[in-house]
Each structure stands twice: as structure tokens, then as C-alpha cells.
Amino acid sequence: MTDFQIEFDTLVFYTGITSETVSITQLDNNTALSFGDETLAILNEVKAEDLIAAGGDVFLDA
């Protein structure tokens, strides 16, 4: 994702994936969201620590 902004955007997880089961990893200037061995998304120019700190303001579990 090239224009994700923590202050304005939301991530919604479906089909058994929740904010508690997603791995958040810093990759250079980007953040990877993974579930098991699968990369779900890469958020360009987003710091993993900022995403984690935002928590429930960013993640919605469907």
C-alpha cells in the first residue's frame, strides 16, 4: 500500500485473521503485515512501532 496513513486509514481482517494473530515487522522504511508464512500487506513509509502503538484505532476484526 503506497498511501496508508495511520491517522486516516483502517485495516479490516476477515476469515479468522485478527489483529492479535497478525505479525507486524519493520522492513527498511516499510511495514509488513503477515499471517503465518503469508505476507498480507506491505505499508510503504509506515513505521511498525507507530502502527503497533495505534492498535485499535487502525485495526478492525470482522
N, C-alpha and C. Protein backbone atom coordinates (compact mmCIF):
# COMPACT_ATOMS: atom_id res chain seq x y z
N MET A 1 0.85 -1.16 0.00
CA MET A 1 0.00 0.00 0.00
C MET A 1 0.90 1.23 0.00
N THR A 2 0.64 2.11 -0.90
CA THR A 2 1.54 3.24 -1.06
C THR A 2 1.09 4.50 -0.34
N ASP A 3 -0.17 4.56 0.06
CA ASP A 3 -0.64 5.81 0.67
C ASP A 3 -1.34 5.61 2.00
N PHE A 4 -1.01 4.54 2.74
CA PHE A 4 -1.64 4.27 4.02
C PHE A 4 -1.20 5.32 5.04
N GLN A 5 -2.17 5.87 5.75
CA GLN A 5 -1.90 6.87 6.79
C GLN A 5 -2.58 6.43 8.08
N ILE A 6 -1.80 6.26 9.11
CA ILE A 6 -2.32 5.77 10.39
C ILE A 6 -3.45 6.66 10.90
N GLU A 7 -3.36 7.94 10.70
CA GLU A 7 -4.36 8.88 11.23
C GLU A 7 -5.70 8.78 10.52
N PHE A 8 -5.73 8.25 9.28
CA PHE A 8 -6.95 8.29 8.49
C PHE A 8 -7.46 6.94 8.02
N ASP A 9 -6.61 5.93 7.93
CA ASP A 9 -6.98 4.65 7.33
C ASP A 9 -7.20 3.56 8.38
N THR A 10 -7.92 2.52 7.97
CA THR A 10 -8.24 1.38 8.83
C THR A 10 -7.93 0.09 8.08
N LEU A 11 -7.45 -0.91 8.80
CA LEU A 11 -7.24 -2.24 8.25
C LEU A 11 -8.29 -3.17 8.82
N VAL A 12 -9.00 -3.89 7.96
CA VAL A 12 -10.04 -4.81 8.40
C VAL A 12 -9.60 -6.23 8.05
N PHE A 13 -9.64 -7.13 9.04
CA PHE A 13 -9.25 -8.52 8.83
C PHE A 13 -10.48 -9.41 8.83
N TYR A 14 -10.48 -10.38 7.91
CA TYR A 14 -11.58 -11.34 7.77
C TYR A 14 -11.05 -12.77 7.88
N THR A 15 -11.95 -13.72 7.87
CA THR A 15 -11.68 -15.16 7.78
C THR A 15 -10.70 -15.68 8.82
N GLY A 16 -10.93 -15.33 10.08
CA GLY A 16 -10.12 -15.88 11.16
C GLY A 16 -8.82 -15.15 11.42
N ILE A 17 -8.48 -14.19 10.60
CA ILE A 17 -7.29 -13.38 10.85
C ILE A 17 -7.71 -12.21 11.72
N THR A 18 -6.98 -11.99 12.81
CA THR A 18 -7.30 -10.88 13.71
C THR A 18 -6.05 -10.05 13.97
N SER A 19 -6.23 -8.92 14.56
CA SER A 19 -5.09 -8.06 14.90
C SER A 19 -4.15 -8.77 15.87
N GLU A 20 -4.67 -9.73 16.62
CA GLU A 20 -3.85 -10.48 17.58
C GLU A 20 -3.01 -11.56 16.90
N THR A 21 -3.40 -12.01 15.71
CA THR A 21 -2.68 -13.09 15.04
C THR A 21 -1.80 -12.62 13.89
N VAL A 22 -1.81 -11.32 13.62
CA VAL A 22 -1.01 -10.75 12.54
C VAL A 22 0.36 -10.34 13.09
N SER A 23 1.41 -10.68 12.35
CA SER A 23 2.76 -10.25 12.71
C SER A 23 3.06 -8.93 12.02
N ILE A 24 3.63 -8.00 12.76
CA ILE A 24 3.97 -6.68 12.22
C ILE A 24 5.49 -6.55 12.29
N THR A 25 6.11 -6.34 11.12
CA THR A 25 7.57 -6.33 11.03
C THR A 25 8.05 -5.11 10.26
N GLN A 26 9.09 -4.46 10.77
CA GLN A 26 9.70 -3.34 10.07
C GLN A 26 10.62 -3.86 8.97
N LEU A 27 10.46 -3.36 7.75
CA LEU A 27 11.32 -3.70 6.61
C LEU A 27 11.85 -2.41 6.02
N ASP A 28 13.04 -2.01 6.41
CA ASP A 28 13.59 -0.73 5.99
C ASP A 28 12.64 0.40 6.38
N ASN A 29 12.09 1.13 5.40
CA ASN A 29 11.15 2.22 5.69
C ASN A 29 9.70 1.78 5.62
N ASN A 30 9.46 0.48 5.48
CA ASN A 30 8.12 -0.05 5.29
C ASN A 30 7.76 -1.01 6.42
N THR A 31 6.47 -1.35 6.51
CA THR A 31 6.00 -2.31 7.50
C THR A 31 5.27 -3.44 6.80
N ALA A 32 5.64 -4.67 7.16
CA ALA A 32 4.98 -5.86 6.60
C ALA A 32 3.99 -6.41 7.61
N LEU A 33 2.81 -6.80 7.12
CA LEU A 33 1.80 -7.48 7.92
C LEU A 33 1.73 -8.91 7.40
N SER A 34 1.93 -9.88 8.29
CA SER A 34 1.97 -11.28 7.89
C SER A 34 1.07 -12.12 8.77
N PHE A 35 0.60 -13.23 8.20
CA PHE A 35 -0.18 -14.23 8.93
C PHE A 35 0.43 -15.57 8.58
N GLY A 36 1.06 -16.21 9.55
CA GLY A 36 1.79 -17.44 9.24
C GLY A 36 2.93 -17.12 8.30
N ASP A 37 3.02 -17.86 7.21
CA ASP A 37 4.07 -17.65 6.21
C ASP A 37 3.66 -16.70 5.10
N GLU A 38 2.45 -16.16 5.17
CA GLU A 38 1.91 -15.33 4.09
C GLU A 38 1.98 -13.84 4.42
N THR A 39 2.54 -13.06 3.51
CA THR A 39 2.54 -11.61 3.66
C THR A 39 1.20 -11.08 3.18
N LEU A 40 0.49 -10.40 4.06
CA LEU A 40 -0.83 -9.86 3.73
C LEU A 40 -0.74 -8.50 3.07
N ALA A 41 0.20 -7.68 3.55
CA ALA A 41 0.35 -6.32 3.01
C ALA A 41 1.71 -5.77 3.40
N ILE A 42 2.18 -4.84 2.59
CA ILE A 42 3.34 -4.04 2.93
C ILE A 42 2.91 -2.59 2.86
N LEU A 43 3.06 -1.90 3.97
CA LEU A 43 2.67 -0.50 4.07
C LEU A 43 3.92 0.35 3.87
N ASN A 44 3.98 1.02 2.75
CA ASN A 44 5.14 1.85 2.42
C ASN A 44 5.21 3.08 3.31
N GLU A 45 6.42 3.39 3.75
CA GLU A 45 6.70 4.58 4.55
C GLU A 45 5.92 4.63 5.87
N VAL A 46 5.63 3.46 6.45
CA VAL A 46 4.94 3.38 7.74
C VAL A 46 5.87 2.67 8.72
N LYS A 47 6.03 3.23 9.93
CA LYS A 47 6.85 2.62 10.96
C LYS A 47 6.04 1.59 11.73
N ALA A 48 6.60 0.40 11.88
CA ALA A 48 5.92 -0.68 12.61
C ALA A 48 5.54 -0.24 14.02
N GLU A 49 6.44 0.46 14.70
CA GLU A 49 6.17 0.89 16.08
C GLU A 49 4.99 1.85 16.15
N ASP A 50 4.82 2.68 15.13
CA ASP A 50 3.67 3.61 15.10
C ASP A 50 2.37 2.84 14.87
N LEU A 51 2.42 1.84 14.00
CA LEU A 51 1.24 1.03 13.71
C LEU A 51 0.82 0.24 14.95
N ILE A 52 1.79 -0.34 15.63
CA ILE A 52 1.50 -1.09 16.86
C ILE A 52 0.92 -0.17 17.93
N ALA A 53 1.49 1.01 18.07
CA ALA A 53 1.01 1.96 19.08
C ALA A 53 -0.42 2.41 18.80
N ALA A 54 -0.79 2.51 17.52
CA ALA A 54 -2.15 2.93 17.15
C ALA A 54 -3.18 1.86 17.48
N GLY A 55 -2.78 0.60 17.44
CA GLY A 55 -3.63 -0.53 17.84
C GLY A 55 -5.05 -0.47 17.34
N GLY A 56 -6.01 -0.39 18.26
CA GLY A 56 -7.43 -0.43 17.94
C GLY A 56 -7.93 0.72 17.10
N ASP A 57 -7.13 1.78 16.99
CA ASP A 57 -7.54 2.89 16.14
C ASP A 57 -7.35 2.56 14.66
N VAL A 58 -6.54 1.55 14.37
CA VAL A 58 -6.23 1.18 12.99
C VAL A 58 -6.83 -0.18 12.60
N PHE A 59 -6.85 -1.12 13.53
CA PHE A 59 -7.28 -2.49 13.22
C PHE A 59 -8.73 -2.73 13.61
N LEU A 60 -9.47 -3.34 12.70
CA LEU A 60 -10.84 -3.80 12.98
C LEU A 60 -10.89 -5.28 12.66
N ASP A 61 -11.40 -6.07 13.58
CA ASP A 61 -11.57 -7.50 13.33
C ASP A 61 -13.02 -7.75 12.96
N ALA A 62 -13.24 -8.28 11.76
CA ALA A 62 -14.61 -8.51 11.27
C ALA A 62 -15.19 -9.78 11.85
